[in-house]
C-alpha atoms as a PDB file:
ATOM      1  CA  MET A   1     120.663  73.140  86.358  1.00  0.00           C
ATOM      2  CA  ALA A   2     121.651  72.527  89.989  1.00  0.00           C
ATOM      3  CA  LEU A   3     122.590  76.197  90.379  1.00  0.00           C
ATOM      4  CA  LYS A   4     119.171  77.319  89.103  1.00  0.00           C
ATOM      5  CA  LEU A   5     117.456  74.911  91.493  1.00  0.00           C
ATOM      6  CA  PHE A   6     119.586  76.196  94.369  1.00  0.00           C
ATOM      7  CA  HIS A   7     118.684  79.828  93.528  1.00  0.00           C
ATOM      8  CA  ALA A   8     114.993  78.965  93.278  1.00  0.00           C
ATOM      9  CA  LEU A   9     115.071  77.225  96.668  1.00  0.00           C
ATOM     10  CA  LEU A  10     117.002  80.119  98.192  1.00  0.00           C
ATOM     11  CA  ILE A  11     114.480  82.660  96.916  1.00  0.00           C
ATOM     12  CA  ALA A  12     111.549  80.521  98.077  1.00  0.00           C
ATOM     13  CA  SER A  13     113.023  80.109 101.561  1.00  0.00           C
ATOM     14  CA  LEU A  14     113.707  83.854 101.844  1.00  0.00           C
ATOM     15  CA  ALA A  15     110.157  84.634 100.755  1.00  0.00           C
ATOM     16  CA  ALA A  16     108.774  82.157 103.295  1.00  0.00           C
ATOM     17  CA  THR A  17     110.896  83.733 106.033  1.00  0.00           C
ATOM     18  CA  VAL A  18     109.692  87.236 105.197  1.00  0.00           C
ATOM     19  CA  VAL A  19     106.061  86.126 105.109  1.00  0.00           C
ATOM     20  CA  SER A  20     106.301  84.209 108.384  1.00  0.00           C
ATOM     21  CA  CYS A  21     107.942  87.145 110.182  1.00  0.00           C
ATOM     22  CA  GLY A  22     105.407  89.528 108.720  1.00  0.00           C
ATOM     23  CA  SER A  23     104.931  93.088 109.803  1.00  0.00           C
ATOM     24  CA  LYS A  24     103.517  94.399 113.042  1.00  0.00           C
ATOM     25  CA  ASN A  25      99.840  94.336 112.290  1.00  0.00           C
ATOM     26  CA  ALA A  26      96.761  94.321 114.454  1.00  0.00           C
ATOM     27  CA  ASP A  27      95.360  90.972 113.410  1.00  0.00           C
ATOM     28  CA  ASP A  28      97.459  88.285 115.050  1.00  0.00           C
ATOM     29  CA  GLY A  29      94.540  86.904 117.046  1.00  0.00           C
ATOM     30  CA  LYS A  30      95.441  88.768 120.229  1.00  0.00           C
ATOM     31  CA  VAL A  31      93.294  91.817 120.923  1.00  0.00           C
ATOM     32  CA  THR A  32      95.260  93.377 123.745  1.00  0.00           C
ATOM     33  CA  GLY A  33      98.124  95.689 122.928  1.00  0.00           C
ATOM     34  CA  LYS A  34      98.967  99.168 121.700  1.00  0.00           C
ATOM     35  CA  TYR A  35      97.714 100.463 118.368  1.00  0.00           C
ATOM     36  CA  VAL A  36      97.903 103.583 116.246  1.00  0.00           C
ATOM     37  CA  ASP A  37      95.264 104.296 113.630  1.00  0.00           C
ATOM     38  CA  GLU A  38      95.861 105.897 110.252  1.00  0.00           C
ATOM     39  CA  PHE A  39      95.013 109.328 111.736  1.00  0.00           C
ATOM     40  CA  GLY A  40      97.593 109.102 114.538  1.00  0.00           C
ATOM     41  CA  ASN A  41      95.139 108.276 117.341  1.00  0.00           C
ATOM     42  CA  LYS A  42      96.600 105.877 119.913  1.00  0.00           C
ATOM     43  CA  PHE A  43      94.783 103.021 121.619  1.00  0.00           C
ATOM     44  CA  GLU A  44      95.865 100.598 124.295  1.00  0.00           C
ATOM     45  CA  LEU A  45      93.708  97.589 125.158  1.00  0.00           C
ATOM     46  CA  ARG A  46      94.783  95.826 128.362  1.00  0.00           C
ATOM     47  CA  GLU A  47      94.122  92.281 129.580  1.00  0.00           C
ATOM     48  CA  ASP A  48      91.781  93.524 132.342  1.00  0.00           C
ATOM     49  CA  HIS A  49      89.487  95.141 129.738  1.00  0.00           C
ATOM     50  CA  THR A  50      90.625  98.656 130.590  1.00  0.00           C
ATOM     51  CA  ALA A  51      91.821 100.821 127.746  1.00  0.00           C
ATOM     52  CA  THR A  52      93.188 104.226 126.849  1.00  0.00           C
ATOM     53  CA  ILE A  53      92.567 106.456 123.865  1.00  0.00           C
ATOM     54  CA  GLN A  54      94.791 109.412 123.016  1.00  0.00           C
ATOM     55  CA  PHE A  55      93.530 111.426 120.091  1.00  0.00           C
ATOM     56  CA  ASN A  56      96.146 112.847 117.728  1.00  0.00           C
ATOM     57  CA  GLY A  57      97.246 116.344 118.719  1.00  0.00           C
ATOM     58  CA  GLN A  58      95.971 116.048 122.296  1.00  0.00           C
ATOM     59  CA  ASP A  59      98.020 115.488 125.439  1.00  0.00           C
ATOM     60  CA  LYS A  60      95.039 114.080 127.353  1.00  0.00           C
ATOM     61  CA  ILE A  61      94.874 110.303 127.652  1.00  0.00           C
ATOM     62  CA  ASN A  62      91.292 109.099 128.021  1.00  0.00           C
ATOM     63  CA  GLU A  63      90.823 106.121 130.353  1.00  0.00           C
ATOM     64  CA  THR A  64      88.084 103.792 129.155  1.00  0.00           C
ATOM     65  CA  ARG A  65      87.125 100.133 128.735  1.00  0.00           C
ATOM     66  CA  TRP A  66      86.821  97.629 125.920  1.00  0.00           C
ATOM     67  CA  HIS A  67      84.232  94.880 125.649  1.00  0.00           C
ATOM     68  CA  ASP A  68      83.976  91.574 123.835  1.00  0.00           C
ATOM     69  CA  GLY A  69      81.440  91.612 121.024  1.00  0.00           C
ATOM     70  CA  GLU A  70      77.949  90.288 121.671  1.00  0.00           C
ATOM     71  CA  HIS A  71      79.510  87.076 122.992  1.00  0.00           C
ATOM     72  CA  SER A  72      83.012  86.373 124.236  1.00  0.00           C
ATOM     73  CA  ASP A  73      83.671  84.180 121.188  1.00  0.00           C
ATOM     74  CA  THR A  74      82.957  86.889 118.596  1.00  0.00           C
ATOM     75  CA  SER A  75      85.669  88.117 116.245  1.00  0.00           C
ATOM     76  CA  TYR A  76      85.340  91.737 117.303  1.00  0.00           C
ATOM     77  CA  VAL A  77      85.479  93.969 120.351  1.00  0.00           C
ATOM     78  CA  THR A  78      83.964  97.346 121.081  1.00  0.00           C
ATOM     79  CA  ILE A  79      85.863 100.271 122.569  1.00  0.00           C
ATOM     80  CA  GLU A  80      83.976 102.548 124.908  1.00  0.00           C
ATOM     81  CA  TYR A  81      84.333 106.322 124.750  1.00  0.00           C
ATOM     82  CA  ASN A  82      82.363 109.061 126.479  1.00  0.00           C
ATOM     83  CA  GLY A  83      79.855 106.552 127.879  1.00  0.00           C
ATOM     84  CA  ASP A  84      79.115 104.925 124.501  1.00  0.00           C
ATOM     85  CA  THR A  85      80.057 101.230 124.796  1.00  0.00           C
ATOM     86  CA  THR A  86      80.089 100.864 121.015  1.00  0.00           C
ATOM     87  CA  TYR A  87      81.983 104.018 120.033  1.00  0.00           C
ATOM     88  CA  TYR A  88      84.447 101.942 118.005  1.00  0.00           C
ATOM     89  CA  TYR A  89      84.260  98.407 116.690  1.00  0.00           C
ATOM     90  CA  MET A  90      87.608  96.641 116.239  1.00  0.00           C
ATOM     91  CA  SER A  91      87.883  93.572 114.063  1.00  0.00           C
ATOM     92  CA  HIS A  92      90.697  91.960 112.090  1.00  0.00           C
ATOM     93  CA  GLY A  93      93.116  94.847 112.565  1.00  0.00           C
ATOM     94  CA  LYS A  94      90.683  97.599 111.611  1.00  0.00           C
ATOM     95  CA  LEU A  95      88.403 100.075 113.372  1.00  0.00           C
ATOM     96  CA  TYR A  96      84.826 100.808 112.391  1.00  0.00           C
ATOM     97  CA  ARG A  97      82.313 103.359 113.662  1.00  0.00           C
ATOM     98  CA  SER A  98      79.291 101.044 113.531  1.00  0.00           C
ATOM     99  CA  LYS A  99      78.409  97.371 113.440  1.00  0.00           C
ATOM    100  CA  GLN A 100      76.935  97.814 109.962  1.00  0.00           C
ATOM    101  CA  THR A 101      80.171  99.212 108.494  1.00  0.00           C
ATOM    102  CA  MET A 102      82.150  96.472 110.239  1.00  0.00           C
ATOM    103  CA  GLU A 103      79.934  93.773 108.745  1.00  0.00           C
ATOM    104  CA  ALA A 104      80.225  95.426 105.321  1.00  0.00           C
ATOM    105  CA  GLY A 105      83.995  95.816 105.758  1.00  0.00           C
ATOM    106  CA  SER A 106      83.919  99.450 104.726  1.00  0.00           C
ATOM    107  CA  PRO A 107      84.771 102.179 105.508  1.00  0.00           C
ATOM    108  CA  ALA A 108      87.508 100.875 107.765  1.00  0.00           C
ATOM    109  CA  ILE A 109      90.178 102.746 109.708  1.00  0.00           C
ATOM    110  CA  GLU A 110      93.519 100.982 109.400  1.00  0.00           C
ATOM    111  CA  LEU A 111      95.380 100.044 112.605  1.00  0.00           C
ATOM    112  CA  THR A 112      99.037  99.309 113.192  1.00  0.00           C
ATOM    113  CA  ARG A 113     100.239  97.526 116.291  1.00  0.00           C
ATOM    114  CA  GLU A 114     103.046  99.347 118.102  1.00  0.00           C
END
């Protein structure tokens, strides 16, 4: 009985450790950082609200900016590209092409933090 209890506690503690360490995802509450989307495009959002975008298969790195959502306390940011301040919406570790798709949660582009 004690051995079974020990094994159960060991498995539970290992599972808790794995969950708490987690994987590198894009939804840890901090927006700034480097990301790669599911298509291989690379993004870097810096503390000073500057950003870069490097599209998969291209050597050119596009300098741009990112902006807080409508208010600084919103749960999303927008990434500017080619003069469009809302080219991408980023929320909860995913990219969206419009505010409507972000609010609907679909279709989303998956992000991984580097």
